[in-house]
Amino acid sequence: MVAQLGQSLDGRIATITGDSRYIGSKTSLVHLHALRAHVDAVLVGIGTVLADDPQLNLRLVEGRNPARVIIDAKGKVPYTAKCLAEDGTRRILLRAEGVTGERVPDGVEVKHLPADKKGHFDLRFVARCLSALGFDKVLVEGGARIVSQSIDMGIIDRLHLMVSPVILGSGQTGLDLKPIKVLKEAKRPPTEVILLGKGEVLFDCDLAHK
């Protein structure tokens, strides 16, 4: 699995009001769409859908649209969400067992998974389910909490961290991993630094490297 996260120079992914479109320029968006073109499925959480209403398809590069998988444990994804629009690709909602939730458009698959008392899934189990559905390459696109938990659980092989030349000064921070006590516990993955132009810098981190 690969995760992607775009942030400002000061490590923010959104303002205090949750506005995050768009921290990066078109350069970073093209890279994100290129990532989508190389995976079988894109995974996002309900927070990302409600905040940004993303389409999760390819518009800036050539290729095949990946399947769209939304973590929607409590059944909150609205019927009109753009990611549920019919375009010939699979659209899958992951809901907690026993949750009916909002009505969904024709063709949208609803999979019920076990959840904890707070309505959260074990993302390791989610990863196994996606593999069983035939998705060998998955892009975890958001939000930051899901990306962070996926890294903590060791299910992310690569992290694409896009840093854009903008300073927010406040707002929502990006990665929020389990705390460490000493620096020797910090993750130091082999990383390739790629300059994409217009001040956009991509850090391609190999988290699978031991």
Protein backbone atom coordinates (compact mmCIF):
# COMPACT_ATOMS: atom_id res chain seq x y z
CA MET A 1 0.00 0.00 0.00
CA VAL A 2 1.13 3.53 -0.74
CA ALA A 3 -0.03 6.63 1.12
CA GLN A 4 -0.05 10.20 -0.13
CA LEU A 5 -0.20 13.35 1.95
CA GLY A 6 0.14 16.96 0.83
CA GLN A 7 1.18 19.62 3.32
CA SER A 8 2.50 23.14 3.71
CA LEU A 9 6.06 24.12 4.59
CA ASP A 10 5.03 24.23 8.25
CA GLY A 11 3.45 20.79 8.21
CA ARG A 12 -0.21 21.80 7.91
CA ILE A 13 -2.79 20.07 5.72
CA ALA A 14 -5.73 22.43 6.29
CA THR A 15 -6.69 25.73 7.90
CA ILE A 16 -8.53 25.99 11.21
CA THR A 17 -11.82 25.85 9.26
CA GLY A 18 -10.78 22.65 7.49
CA ASP A 19 -10.13 24.32 4.12
CA SER A 20 -7.53 22.27 2.25
CA ARG A 21 -8.26 22.89 -1.44
CA TYR A 22 -5.72 23.39 -2.69
CA ILE A 23 -2.52 23.56 -0.65
CA GLY A 24 -0.52 22.32 -3.61
CA SER A 25 -0.40 23.63 -7.15
CA LYS A 26 -1.44 21.79 -10.29
CA THR A 27 2.00 20.16 -10.26
CA SER A 28 1.18 18.24 -7.09
CA LEU A 29 -2.30 17.39 -8.37
CA VAL A 30 -0.83 15.89 -11.54
CA HIS A 31 1.42 13.72 -9.40
CA LEU A 32 -1.55 12.58 -7.31
CA HIS A 33 -3.51 11.65 -10.42
CA ALA A 34 -0.48 9.78 -11.74
CA LEU A 35 -0.42 7.81 -8.50
CA ARG A 36 -4.08 6.93 -8.95
CA ALA A 37 -3.30 5.66 -12.44
CA HIS A 38 -0.87 3.10 -11.02
CA VAL A 39 -3.07 1.51 -8.35
CA ASP A 40 -6.06 -0.81 -8.32
CA ALA A 41 -8.02 1.16 -5.72
CA VAL A 42 -8.05 4.48 -3.87
CA LEU A 43 -9.02 4.45 -0.19
CA VAL A 44 -10.32 7.51 1.68
CA GLY A 45 -12.22 8.13 4.90
CA ILE A 46 -15.59 9.75 5.42
CA GLY A 47 -13.93 12.94 6.69
CA THR A 48 -12.22 13.50 3.36
CA VAL A 49 -15.45 12.88 1.45
CA LEU A 50 -17.48 15.30 3.59
CA ALA A 51 -14.79 18.00 3.58
CA ASP A 52 -13.62 17.90 -0.04
CA ASP A 53 -16.19 15.86 -2.00
CA PRO A 54 -13.40 14.40 -4.19
CA GLN A 55 -14.05 12.57 -7.45
CA LEU A 56 -11.08 10.21 -6.94
CA ASN A 57 -10.71 9.63 -10.67
CA LEU A 58 -8.22 10.52 -13.42
CA ARG A 59 -8.59 13.88 -15.09
CA LEU A 60 -5.04 15.20 -15.42
CA VAL A 61 -3.30 12.08 -16.74
CA GLU A 62 -4.10 9.22 -19.07
CA GLY A 63 -5.01 5.84 -17.61
CA ARG A 64 -7.70 3.70 -16.07
CA ASN A 65 -9.73 4.99 -13.15
CA PRO A 66 -9.05 2.98 -9.97
CA ALA A 67 -11.83 1.54 -7.84
CA ARG A 68 -13.00 3.91 -5.12
CA VAL A 69 -13.24 2.62 -1.54
CA ILE A 70 -14.67 4.80 1.22
CA ILE A 71 -14.43 4.05 4.93
CA ASP A 72 -17.97 4.92 5.99
CA ALA A 73 -18.42 3.01 9.24
CA LYS A 74 -21.47 4.99 10.38
CA GLY A 75 -23.15 5.32 6.98
CA LYS A 76 -22.72 9.06 6.50
CA VAL A 77 -21.65 9.29 2.85
CA PRO A 78 -24.33 11.34 1.06
CA TYR A 79 -26.10 9.96 -1.99
CA THR A 80 -24.79 12.86 -4.06
CA ALA A 81 -21.10 12.36 -3.20
CA LYS A 82 -19.02 12.70 -6.37
CA CYS A 83 -16.99 9.60 -5.53
CA LEU A 84 -20.18 7.52 -5.85
CA ALA A 85 -20.93 8.73 -9.38
CA GLU A 86 -21.16 5.99 -12.01
CA ASP A 87 -18.22 5.92 -14.41
CA GLY A 88 -17.68 2.21 -14.97
CA THR A 89 -15.40 1.61 -11.98
CA ARG A 90 -16.16 -0.21 -8.74
CA ARG A 91 -17.42 1.95 -5.88
CA ILE A 92 -17.29 0.35 -2.45
CA LEU A 93 -18.46 1.58 0.95
CA LEU A 94 -17.08 -0.05 4.09
CA ARG A 95 -19.69 0.13 6.85
CA ALA A 96 -19.81 -1.27 10.33
CA GLU A 97 -21.82 -4.41 10.91
CA GLY A 98 -25.48 -3.56 11.54
CA VAL A 99 -25.26 -0.06 10.04
CA THR A 100 -27.73 0.73 7.26
CA GLY A 101 -26.76 4.32 6.66
CA GLU A 102 -27.66 6.63 3.81
CA ARG A 103 -29.15 5.31 0.57
CA VAL A 104 -26.54 4.73 -2.14
CA PRO A 105 -26.69 4.96 -5.96
CA ASP A 106 -27.23 1.82 -8.01
CA GLY A 107 -24.11 -0.25 -8.44
CA VAL A 108 -22.38 0.90 -5.25
CA GLU A 109 -21.20 -2.08 -3.20
CA VAL A 110 -21.62 -1.99 0.57
CA LYS A 111 -19.35 -4.25 2.63
CA HIS A 112 -19.99 -4.65 6.35
CA LEU A 113 -16.97 -5.11 8.59
CA PRO A 114 -16.56 -5.47 12.35
CA ALA A 115 -15.87 -2.20 14.17
CA ASP A 116 -14.89 -1.28 17.72
CA LYS A 117 -17.16 0.51 20.21
CA LYS A 118 -16.22 3.89 18.72
CA GLY A 119 -17.14 2.72 15.23
CA HIS A 120 -13.56 2.44 14.01
CA PHE A 121 -12.16 -0.35 11.85
CA ASP A 122 -8.90 -2.18 12.34
CA LEU A 123 -7.08 -0.93 9.26
CA ARG A 124 -5.01 -4.10 9.09
CA PHE A 125 -8.25 -6.03 8.62
CA VAL A 126 -9.37 -3.49 6.03
CA ALA A 127 -6.12 -4.07 4.12
CA ARG A 128 -6.71 -7.83 4.13
CA CYS A 129 -10.28 -7.32 2.90
CA LEU A 130 -9.10 -5.12 0.04
CA SER A 131 -6.59 -7.78 -0.95
CA ALA A 132 -9.36 -10.40 -0.90
CA LEU A 133 -11.39 -8.15 -3.21
CA GLY A 134 -8.55 -8.30 -5.74
CA PHE A 135 -6.91 -4.96 -5.00
CA ASP A 136 -3.18 -5.65 -4.81
CA LYS A 137 -2.08 -2.02 -5.12
CA VAL A 138 -3.98 0.47 -2.97
CA LEU A 139 -3.47 4.22 -2.56
CA VAL A 140 -4.43 5.56 0.88
CA GLU A 141 -5.26 9.13 -0.03
CA GLY A 142 -6.75 10.51 3.16
CA GLY A 143 -7.39 11.78 5.59
CA ALA A 144 -4.35 12.34 7.74
CA ARG A 145 -5.70 10.22 10.61
CA ILE A 146 -6.14 7.17 8.39
CA VAL A 147 -2.71 7.68 6.82
CA SER A 148 -1.11 8.06 10.26
CA GLN A 149 -2.84 4.99 11.71
CA SER A 150 -1.92 2.95 8.63
CA ILE A 151 1.74 3.88 9.09
CA ASP A 152 1.60 3.05 12.81
CA MET A 153 0.09 -0.36 11.96
CA GLY A 154 2.86 -1.10 9.47
CA ILE A 155 0.63 -1.57 6.42
CA ILE A 156 2.09 1.28 4.34
CA ASP A 157 5.00 0.33 2.08
CA ARG A 158 5.62 3.78 0.62
CA LEU A 159 4.73 7.28 1.71
CA HIS A 160 4.60 10.10 -0.83
CA LEU A 161 4.83 13.30 1.20
CA MET A 162 4.26 16.37 -0.96
CA VAL A 163 5.48 19.67 0.52
CA SER A 164 4.20 22.84 -1.12
CA PRO A 165 5.67 26.36 -0.78
CA VAL A 166 2.94 27.82 1.39
CA ILE A 167 2.89 28.69 5.11
CA LEU A 168 -0.43 28.45 6.96
CA GLY A 169 0.83 29.23 10.45
CA SER A 170 -2.08 27.41 12.09
CA GLY A 171 -4.59 24.69 11.34
CA GLN A 172 -4.59 20.93 11.09
CA THR A 173 -1.24 19.19 11.19
CA GLY A 174 -0.36 16.25 8.95
CA LEU A 175 1.11 13.03 10.29
CA ASP A 176 0.32 12.25 13.92
CA LEU A 177 2.05 8.99 14.84
CA LYS A 178 2.45 7.19 18.13
CA PRO A 179 4.76 9.21 20.41
CA ILE A 180 8.37 8.19 20.87
CA LYS A 181 10.64 8.90 23.82
CA VAL A 182 14.06 8.97 22.19
CA LEU A 183 15.26 9.83 18.70
CA LYS A 184 16.63 6.35 18.03
CA GLU A 185 12.99 5.18 17.91
CA ALA A 186 12.21 7.58 15.06
CA LYS A 187 11.47 6.24 11.59
CA ARG A 188 14.32 6.97 9.17
CA PRO A 189 13.15 5.45 5.89
CA PRO A 190 15.28 5.55 2.75
CA THR A 191 13.93 8.61 0.97
CA GLU A 192 14.22 10.00 -2.53
CA VAL A 193 13.73 13.74 -2.86
CA ILE A 194 12.12 14.80 -6.15
CA LEU A 195 11.75 18.41 -7.27
CA LEU A 196 8.53 18.78 -9.23
CA GLY A 197 8.80 22.46 -10.08
CA LYS A 198 7.16 25.61 -8.72
CA GLY A 199 8.65 24.87 -5.33
CA GLU A 200 6.83 21.56 -4.94
CA VAL A 201 9.00 18.87 -3.34
CA LEU A 202 8.10 15.20 -3.18
CA PHE A 203 9.60 12.98 -0.48
CA ASP A 204 9.25 9.35 -1.59
CA CYS A 205 9.75 7.35 1.61
CA ASP A 206 10.36 3.59 1.53
CA LEU A 207 8.61 2.49 4.72
CA ALA A 208 8.91 -1.21 3.82
CA HIS A 209 12.71 -1.05 4.14
CA LYS A 210 13.96 -2.65 7.33
